[in-house]
């Protein structure tokens, strides 16, 4: 297995500083080209789906009829009328992290499959609820579950998925299951707190959210579950607590990098690839990380963006001006630099759990994949 090297971030600069970032120095022993990284990650994700999907589908099919129908549609396995579908499913990044963490610590990934299924169910519980909260009508290039079945059915299906995740761990005879169940429950509580903070930000004015608050929210809302996924893999590998904490730290920091990239995609992503309208986060007036970085930059572009955020921002011209203001205020550059910095921190945590990073190549491949993606 090849050794991967952490991406070295440029020196961070405050939003609004137009000085070009210093590029990372190339090296003969540096990471493989992005195309090769993407191919390696796709192989890992495909192998994960082959292991996890049969148990995931069996678990979902155990749900009561009307709830099962919503869940099967959400996962892309059925159409709204119940006929079979080959719609796009999720990437399986979180289950892949569970299995990769177990492998990195010399565990048997097959032993951790049930934990990987539980993490994926918990993740999809959040997606069903997030789509309702954000009033998103499209996910994976087709209507969201609530848009098809209504809000009550979508929320209830999400609740059932979370309960199903916990039941899978509670019924698991593996010695790690009790600690895994407790850790997942703690993670979901933190995740809910992050979601609540995200919603609360919407009630504040454009300059009413600090960058520190936004980073804390994103760590709870996104980083916590990726950290939990890695920690569960460590638990099922029989690792000691130091390694479990290191894996959790790796996942959290990689999760924050993931969220930073996701926020950039929410502004500049290609609708053909994302399945969402152009500038969807701006239309929704979301106070995402690059937006808050821009709003708190103290630049003329920040004032322009704040004015736009106080309005309706319904027209393509307004959305385009807002995206341009975020960029001119330094929000885009800041988010890209911060993502690289968080990945470097992630690798530092990982080195405490796995001193020989050559054993953690799969984890690093996945982390590099999610922080270099464009949709």
Protein backbone atom coordinates (compact mmCIF):
# COMPACT_ATOMS: atom_id res chain seq x y z
CA UNK A 1 0.00 0.00 0.00
CA UNK A 2 1.45 3.33 -0.98
CA UNK A 3 2.17 6.01 1.61
CA UNK A 4 0.06 9.14 1.22
CA UNK A 5 1.28 12.53 2.36
CA UNK A 6 -0.85 15.23 3.89
CA UNK A 7 -1.55 18.15 1.58
CA UNK A 8 0.49 21.10 2.81
CA UNK A 9 -1.75 24.17 3.04
CA UNK A 10 -0.63 27.62 1.99
CA UNK A 11 -0.23 30.14 4.79
CA UNK A 12 -3.78 31.25 5.66
CA UNK A 13 -4.57 34.88 5.06
CA UNK A 14 -7.56 36.90 6.21
CA UNK A 15 -10.57 37.23 3.93
CA UNK A 16 -10.21 40.24 1.67
CA UNK A 17 -6.42 39.99 1.36
CA UNK A 18 -5.83 39.78 -2.39
CA UNK A 19 -2.25 38.54 -2.15
CA UNK A 20 -1.88 35.24 -3.98
CA UNK A 21 -1.53 32.14 -1.84
CA UNK A 22 1.84 30.43 -1.86
CA UNK A 23 1.48 27.08 -3.62
CA UNK A 24 2.56 23.87 -1.95
CA UNK A 25 5.97 22.78 -3.12
CA UNK A 26 5.88 19.78 -5.44
CA UNK A 27 7.88 16.73 -4.52
CA UNK A 28 8.76 13.42 -6.09
CA UNK A 29 7.24 11.60 -3.11
CA UNK A 30 4.11 13.74 -2.96
CA UNK A 31 0.54 12.55 -3.32
CA UNK A 32 -0.61 10.94 -6.55
CA UNK A 33 -2.32 13.12 -9.17
CA UNK A 34 -5.97 14.02 -8.44
CA UNK A 35 -7.24 11.72 -11.20
CA UNK A 36 -5.40 8.75 -9.67
CA UNK A 37 -6.68 9.64 -6.20
CA UNK A 38 -10.22 9.78 -7.51
CA UNK A 39 -9.88 6.36 -9.15
CA UNK A 40 -8.50 4.83 -5.94
CA UNK A 41 -11.34 6.33 -3.93
CA UNK A 42 -13.98 5.09 -6.37
CA UNK A 43 -12.57 1.57 -6.07
CA UNK A 44 -12.76 1.82 -2.27
CA UNK A 45 -16.30 3.17 -2.34
CA UNK A 46 -17.44 0.47 -4.75
CA UNK A 47 -15.92 -2.23 -2.54
CA UNK A 48 -17.65 -0.66 0.47
CA UNK A 49 -21.02 -0.67 -1.27
CA UNK A 50 -20.55 -4.32 -2.18
CA UNK A 51 -20.04 -5.18 1.50
CA UNK A 52 -22.50 -2.77 3.08
CA UNK A 53 -25.43 -2.47 0.67
CA UNK A 54 -26.84 -6.00 1.14
CA UNK A 55 -27.08 -5.52 4.93
CA UNK A 56 -28.25 -1.92 4.54
CA UNK A 57 -31.02 -2.92 2.19
CA UNK A 58 -32.05 -5.86 4.39
CA UNK A 59 -32.28 -3.50 7.36
CA UNK A 60 -34.39 -0.95 5.45
CA UNK A 61 -36.66 -3.70 4.13
CA UNK A 62 -37.39 -4.70 7.74
CA UNK A 63 -39.21 -1.39 8.31
CA UNK A 64 -43.04 -1.30 8.29
CA UNK A 65 -44.64 -0.93 4.85
CA UNK A 66 -45.37 2.80 4.53
CA UNK A 67 -42.11 3.80 6.20
CA UNK A 68 -40.19 1.27 4.11
CA UNK A 69 -41.65 2.80 0.94
CA UNK A 70 -40.31 6.26 1.79
CA UNK A 71 -36.91 4.88 2.83
CA UNK A 72 -36.55 2.73 -0.29
CA UNK A 73 -37.35 5.76 -2.45
CA UNK A 74 -34.88 7.93 -0.53
CA UNK A 75 -32.07 5.42 -1.08
CA UNK A 76 -32.87 5.25 -4.81
CA UNK A 77 -33.97 1.61 -4.75
CA UNK A 78 -37.60 2.28 -5.67
CA UNK A 79 -39.69 4.83 -7.51
CA UNK A 80 -42.44 6.67 -5.65
CA UNK A 81 -44.99 4.07 -6.81
CA UNK A 82 -42.90 1.22 -5.41
CA UNK A 83 -41.49 -0.07 -8.70
CA UNK A 84 -37.78 -0.97 -8.72
CA UNK A 85 -35.36 1.84 -9.53
CA UNK A 86 -31.66 2.16 -10.22
CA UNK A 87 -31.57 5.79 -9.14
CA UNK A 88 -28.33 7.27 -7.83
CA UNK A 89 -27.53 6.26 -4.26
CA UNK A 90 -25.17 7.94 -1.83
CA UNK A 91 -21.40 7.75 -2.17
CA UNK A 92 -21.03 5.56 0.99
CA UNK A 93 -18.21 7.76 2.30
CA UNK A 94 -19.09 7.26 5.97
CA UNK A 95 -19.35 3.46 5.79
CA UNK A 96 -16.08 3.45 3.85
CA UNK A 97 -14.43 5.37 6.69
CA UNK A 98 -15.66 2.80 9.22
CA UNK A 99 -14.14 -0.07 7.26
CA UNK A 100 -10.94 1.81 6.38
CA UNK A 101 -10.37 2.76 10.02
CA UNK A 102 -10.75 -0.87 11.06
CA UNK A 103 -8.24 -1.96 8.39
CA UNK A 104 -5.74 0.73 9.40
CA UNK A 105 -5.71 -0.71 12.93
CA UNK A 106 -5.32 -4.31 11.75
CA UNK A 107 -8.98 -5.13 12.30
CA UNK A 108 -11.24 -7.23 10.11
CA UNK A 109 -13.50 -4.86 8.13
CA UNK A 110 -16.15 -7.56 7.80
CA UNK A 111 -16.55 -7.47 11.57
CA UNK A 112 -17.38 -3.73 11.29
CA UNK A 113 -19.97 -3.95 8.52
CA UNK A 114 -22.93 -3.72 10.89
CA UNK A 115 -21.42 -0.56 12.40
CA UNK A 116 -20.93 0.82 8.89
CA UNK A 117 -24.61 0.18 8.13
CA UNK A 118 -25.63 1.91 11.36
CA UNK A 119 -23.58 4.99 10.47
CA UNK A 120 -25.11 5.15 6.99
CA UNK A 121 -28.62 4.89 8.44
CA UNK A 122 -27.86 7.70 10.90
CA UNK A 123 -26.47 9.81 8.06
CA UNK A 124 -29.61 9.32 6.00
CA UNK A 125 -31.76 10.21 8.99
CA UNK A 126 -30.04 13.60 8.89
CA UNK A 127 -30.52 13.94 5.13
CA UNK A 128 -34.27 13.33 5.33
CA UNK A 129 -34.62 15.90 8.10
CA UNK A 130 -32.25 18.41 6.50
CA UNK A 131 -34.23 18.37 3.26
CA UNK A 132 -37.38 19.24 5.22
CA UNK A 133 -35.70 21.96 7.28
CA UNK A 134 -33.97 23.51 4.27
CA UNK A 135 -37.04 23.01 2.03
CA UNK A 136 -34.79 21.38 -0.55
CA UNK A 137 -36.87 19.81 -3.31
CA UNK A 138 -34.08 17.97 -5.10
CA UNK A 139 -31.52 15.41 -3.97
CA UNK A 140 -29.47 13.16 -6.23
CA UNK A 141 -31.18 14.56 -9.32
CA UNK A 142 -34.73 13.68 -8.31
CA UNK A 143 -37.40 15.04 -5.93
CA UNK A 144 -36.66 14.72 -2.22
CA UNK A 145 -38.71 12.33 -0.10
CA UNK A 146 -40.74 15.08 1.57
CA UNK A 147 -41.56 16.64 -1.79
CA UNK A 148 -42.99 13.30 -2.92
CA UNK A 149 -44.55 11.85 0.23
CA UNK A 150 -45.07 14.94 2.37
CA UNK A 151 -43.27 16.30 5.42
CA UNK A 152 -44.77 13.97 8.08
CA UNK A 153 -43.84 10.78 6.21
CA UNK A 154 -40.31 12.00 5.48
CA UNK A 155 -39.67 13.02 9.11
CA UNK A 156 -41.09 9.75 10.43
CA UNK A 157 -38.99 7.71 8.00
CA UNK A 158 -35.90 9.57 9.21
CA UNK A 159 -36.79 8.85 12.83
CA UNK A 160 -37.25 5.17 12.00
CA UNK A 161 -33.84 5.03 10.30
CA UNK A 162 -32.14 6.39 13.42
CA UNK A 163 -33.94 3.88 15.63
CA UNK A 164 -32.98 1.13 13.19
CA UNK A 165 -29.33 2.16 13.39
CA UNK A 166 -29.38 1.84 17.16
CA UNK A 167 -31.20 -1.49 17.01
CA UNK A 168 -28.54 -2.92 14.72
CA UNK A 169 -25.83 -2.04 17.24
CA UNK A 170 -27.91 -3.16 20.24
CA UNK A 171 -28.45 -6.59 18.66
CA UNK A 172 -24.83 -6.98 17.59
CA UNK A 173 -23.09 -9.67 19.71
CA UNK A 174 -19.68 -8.09 19.04
CA UNK A 175 -17.97 -6.89 22.28
CA UNK A 176 -17.54 -3.42 20.73
CA UNK A 177 -21.26 -2.88 20.11
CA UNK A 178 -22.19 -1.28 23.46
CA UNK A 179 -19.44 1.35 23.22
CA UNK A 180 -20.28 1.88 19.56
CA UNK A 181 -23.96 2.44 20.35
CA UNK A 182 -23.15 4.94 23.10
CA UNK A 183 -20.74 6.78 20.83
CA UNK A 184 -23.25 6.99 17.99
CA UNK A 185 -25.94 8.31 20.37
CA UNK A 186 -23.58 10.98 21.70
CA UNK A 187 -22.65 11.90 18.14
CA UNK A 188 -26.29 12.30 17.07
CA UNK A 189 -26.99 14.61 20.01
CA UNK A 190 -24.00 16.75 18.99
CA UNK A 191 -25.14 16.65 15.40
CA UNK A 192 -28.62 17.84 16.38
CA UNK A 193 -27.07 20.69 18.35
CA UNK A 194 -25.13 21.68 15.24
CA UNK A 195 -28.29 21.58 13.15
CA UNK A 196 -30.14 23.70 15.71
CA UNK A 197 -27.33 26.27 15.66
CA UNK A 198 -27.46 26.33 11.85
CA UNK A 199 -31.20 27.06 11.98
CA UNK A 200 -30.71 29.72 14.66
CA UNK A 201 -28.22 31.54 12.42
CA UNK A 202 -31.04 32.20 9.96
CA UNK A 203 -32.76 34.46 12.50
CA UNK A 204 -29.70 36.70 12.83
CA UNK A 205 -28.74 39.54 10.55
CA UNK A 206 -26.00 39.14 7.91
CA UNK A 207 -23.30 40.35 10.32
CA UNK A 208 -24.76 38.52 13.34
CA UNK A 209 -22.78 35.25 13.05
CA UNK A 210 -19.08 35.02 13.86
CA UNK A 211 -16.68 32.80 11.96
CA UNK A 212 -15.84 30.93 15.18
CA UNK A 213 -19.53 30.14 15.72
CA UNK A 214 -19.86 28.95 12.14
CA UNK A 215 -16.83 26.67 12.43
CA UNK A 216 -18.18 25.19 15.68
CA UNK A 217 -21.56 24.58 14.04
CA UNK A 218 -19.98 22.86 11.03
CA UNK A 219 -17.79 20.68 13.24
CA UNK A 220 -20.86 19.47 15.13
CA UNK A 221 -23.14 19.16 12.11
CA UNK A 222 -20.70 17.42 9.76
CA UNK A 223 -17.41 16.64 11.49
CA UNK A 224 -18.98 14.74 14.39
CA UNK A 225 -20.45 11.96 12.24
CA UNK A 226 -17.29 11.46 10.19
CA UNK A 227 -15.32 11.35 13.44
CA UNK A 228 -17.80 8.83 14.84
CA UNK A 229 -17.48 6.67 11.72
CA UNK A 230 -13.70 6.48 12.13
CA UNK A 231 -13.98 5.88 15.88
CA UNK A 232 -16.44 3.02 15.35
CA UNK A 233 -13.99 1.39 12.95
CA UNK A 234 -11.31 1.66 15.64
CA UNK A 235 -13.63 0.17 18.27
CA UNK A 236 -14.46 -2.80 16.06
CA UNK A 237 -10.73 -3.31 15.46
CA UNK A 238 -10.29 -3.67 19.23
CA UNK A 239 -8.08 -0.57 19.41
CA UNK A 240 -7.17 1.16 22.65
CA UNK A 241 -8.76 4.46 23.62
CA UNK A 242 -5.83 6.58 22.40
CA UNK A 243 -6.27 5.22 18.89
CA UNK A 244 -10.06 5.67 19.07
CA UNK A 245 -9.60 9.34 20.01
CA UNK A 246 -7.04 9.82 17.24
CA UNK A 247 -9.43 8.35 14.68
CA UNK A 248 -12.25 10.55 15.94
CA UNK A 249 -10.03 13.63 15.62
CA UNK A 250 -9.03 12.63 12.11
CA UNK A 251 -12.65 12.24 11.03
CA UNK A 252 -13.73 15.50 12.65
CA UNK A 253 -11.07 17.57 10.94
CA UNK A 254 -11.58 15.80 7.62
CA UNK A 255 -15.32 16.38 8.08
CA UNK A 256 -14.79 20.10 8.52
CA UNK A 257 -12.67 20.13 5.35
CA UNK A 258 -15.50 18.24 3.65
CA UNK A 259 -18.03 20.85 4.81
CA UNK A 260 -15.86 23.71 3.57
CA UNK A 261 -15.74 22.14 0.11
CA UNK A 262 -19.46 21.35 0.27
CA UNK A 263 -20.17 25.01 1.06
CA UNK A 264 -18.13 26.09 -1.95
CA UNK A 265 -20.09 23.68 -4.12
CA UNK A 266 -23.30 25.13 -2.67
CA UNK A 267 -22.34 28.47 -4.25
CA UNK A 268 -20.31 27.58 -7.33
CA UNK A 269 -21.26 23.95 -8.04
CA UNK A 270 -22.49 22.90 -11.47
CA UNK A 271 -26.24 22.14 -11.23
CA UNK A 272 -25.83 19.37 -13.81
CA UNK A 273 -23.50 17.58 -11.41
CA UNK A 274 -24.96 18.61 -8.04
CA UNK A 275 -28.62 18.13 -8.91
CA UNK A 276 -29.41 21.45 -7.21
CA UNK A 277 -30.04 24.94 -8.64
CA UNK A 278 -27.07 27.25 -9.19
CA UNK A 279 -26.16 29.17 -6.03
CA UNK A 280 -28.70 27.18 -4.01
CA UNK A 281 -27.15 28.17 -0.66
CA UNK A 282 -27.23 31.85 -1.59
CA UNK A 283 -30.88 31.68 -2.65
CA UNK A 284 -31.63 30.10 0.75
CA UNK A 285 -29.62 32.89 2.49
CA UNK A 286 -27.53 30.20 4.22
CA UNK A 287 -24.73 31.51 6.41
CA UNK A 288 -22.25 28.94 5.17
CA UNK A 289 -18.55 29.10 5.97
CA UNK A 290 -17.36 31.04 2.89
CA UNK A 291 -20.32 33.42 3.23
CA UNK A 292 -19.58 34.16 6.90
CA UNK A 293 -15.87 34.53 6.13
CA UNK A 294 -16.82 37.08 3.48
CA UNK A 295 -19.36 38.88 5.68
CA UNK A 296 -16.84 39.28 8.51
CA UNK A 297 -13.95 40.42 6.26
CA UNK A 298 -14.53 44.14 6.74
CA UNK A 299 -14.25 44.75 2.99
CA UNK A 300 -16.51 46.79 0.70
CA UNK A 301 -17.59 43.50 -0.86
CA UNK A 302 -18.72 42.33 2.59
CA UNK A 303 -21.06 45.32 2.89
CA UNK A 304 -22.40 44.62 -0.60
CA UNK A 305 -23.03 40.97 0.32
CA UNK A 306 -24.78 41.97 3.54
CA UNK A 307 -27.13 44.21 1.59
CA UNK A 308 -27.95 41.37 -0.79
CA UNK A 309 -28.56 39.01 2.16
CA UNK A 310 -31.09 41.45 3.60
CA UNK A 311 -33.08 41.26 0.38
CA UNK A 312 -34.95 38.47 -1.35
CA UNK A 313 -32.18 37.40 -3.76
CA UNK A 314 -34.64 35.70 -6.08
CA UNK A 315 -33.22 36.64 -9.48
CA UNK A 316 -30.23 35.03 -11.23
CA UNK A 317 -28.58 38.45 -11.36
CA UNK A 318 -28.78 38.87 -7.58
CA UNK A 319 -27.43 35.37 -6.99
CA UNK A 320 -24.55 36.04 -9.38
CA UNK A 321 -23.73 39.33 -7.65
CA UNK A 322 -23.77 37.63 -4.25
CA UNK A 323 -21.40 34.88 -5.43
CA UNK A 324 -19.09 37.54 -6.88
CA UNK A 325 -19.18 39.48 -3.60
CA UNK A 326 -18.25 36.35 -1.62
CA UNK A 327 -15.27 35.84 -3.91
CA UNK A 328 -14.12 39.48 -3.85
CA UNK A 329 -14.40 39.53 -0.05
CA UNK A 330 -12.04 36.55 0.16
CA UNK A 331 -14.56 33.93 1.24
CA UNK A 332 -13.75 31.50 -1.55
CA UNK A 333 -9.99 31.67 -1.05
CA UNK A 334 -10.34 31.44 2.72
CA UNK A 335 -12.49 28.30 2.50
CA UNK A 336 -10.06 26.58 0.14
CA UNK A 337 -7.07 27.41 2.34
CA UNK A 338 -8.91 26.43 5.51
CA UNK A 339 -9.90 23.08 3.98
CA UNK A 340 -6.24 22.28 3.29
CA UNK A 341 -5.29 23.37 6.81
CA UNK A 342 -7.96 21.13 8.35
CA UNK A 343 -6.73 18.19 6.31
CA UNK A 344 -3.23 18.74 7.68
CA UNK A 345 -4.68 18.73 11.20
CA UNK A 346 -6.62 15.57 10.36
CA UNK A 347 -3.43 13.76 9.36
CA UNK A 348 -1.77 14.90 12.57
CA UNK A 349 -4.57 13.24 14.56
CA UNK A 350 -4.32 10.13 12.41
CA UNK A 351 -0.59 9.81 13.05
CA UNK A 352 -1.36 9.47 16.76
CA UNK A 353 -3.66 6.53 16.07
CA UNK A 354 -1.55 4.95 13.31
CA UNK A 355 2.11 6.04 13.60
CA UNK A 356 2.91 4.31 10.29
CA UNK A 357 0.66 6.25 7.90
CA UNK A 358 1.40 3.68 5.22
CA UNK A 359 -1.18 1.49 6.99
CA UNK A 360 -3.77 4.28 6.73
CA UNK A 361 -3.60 4.79 2.98
CA UNK A 362 -7.28 4.01 2.44
CA UNK A 363 -8.34 6.62 5.01
CA UNK A 364 -6.16 9.26 3.41
CA UNK A 365 -7.39 8.37 -0.06
CA UNK A 366 -10.99 8.90 1.09
CA UNK A 367 -10.16 12.15 2.85
CA UNK A 368 -8.34 13.50 -0.20
CA UNK A 369 -11.27 12.46 -2.39
CA UNK A 370 -13.89 14.37 -0.41
CA UNK A 371 -11.76 17.50 -0.18
CA UNK A 372 -10.97 17.58 -3.90
CA UNK A 373 -14.44 16.81 -5.19
CA UNK A 374 -16.42 19.24 -7.33
CA UNK A 375 -19.96 17.95 -6.68
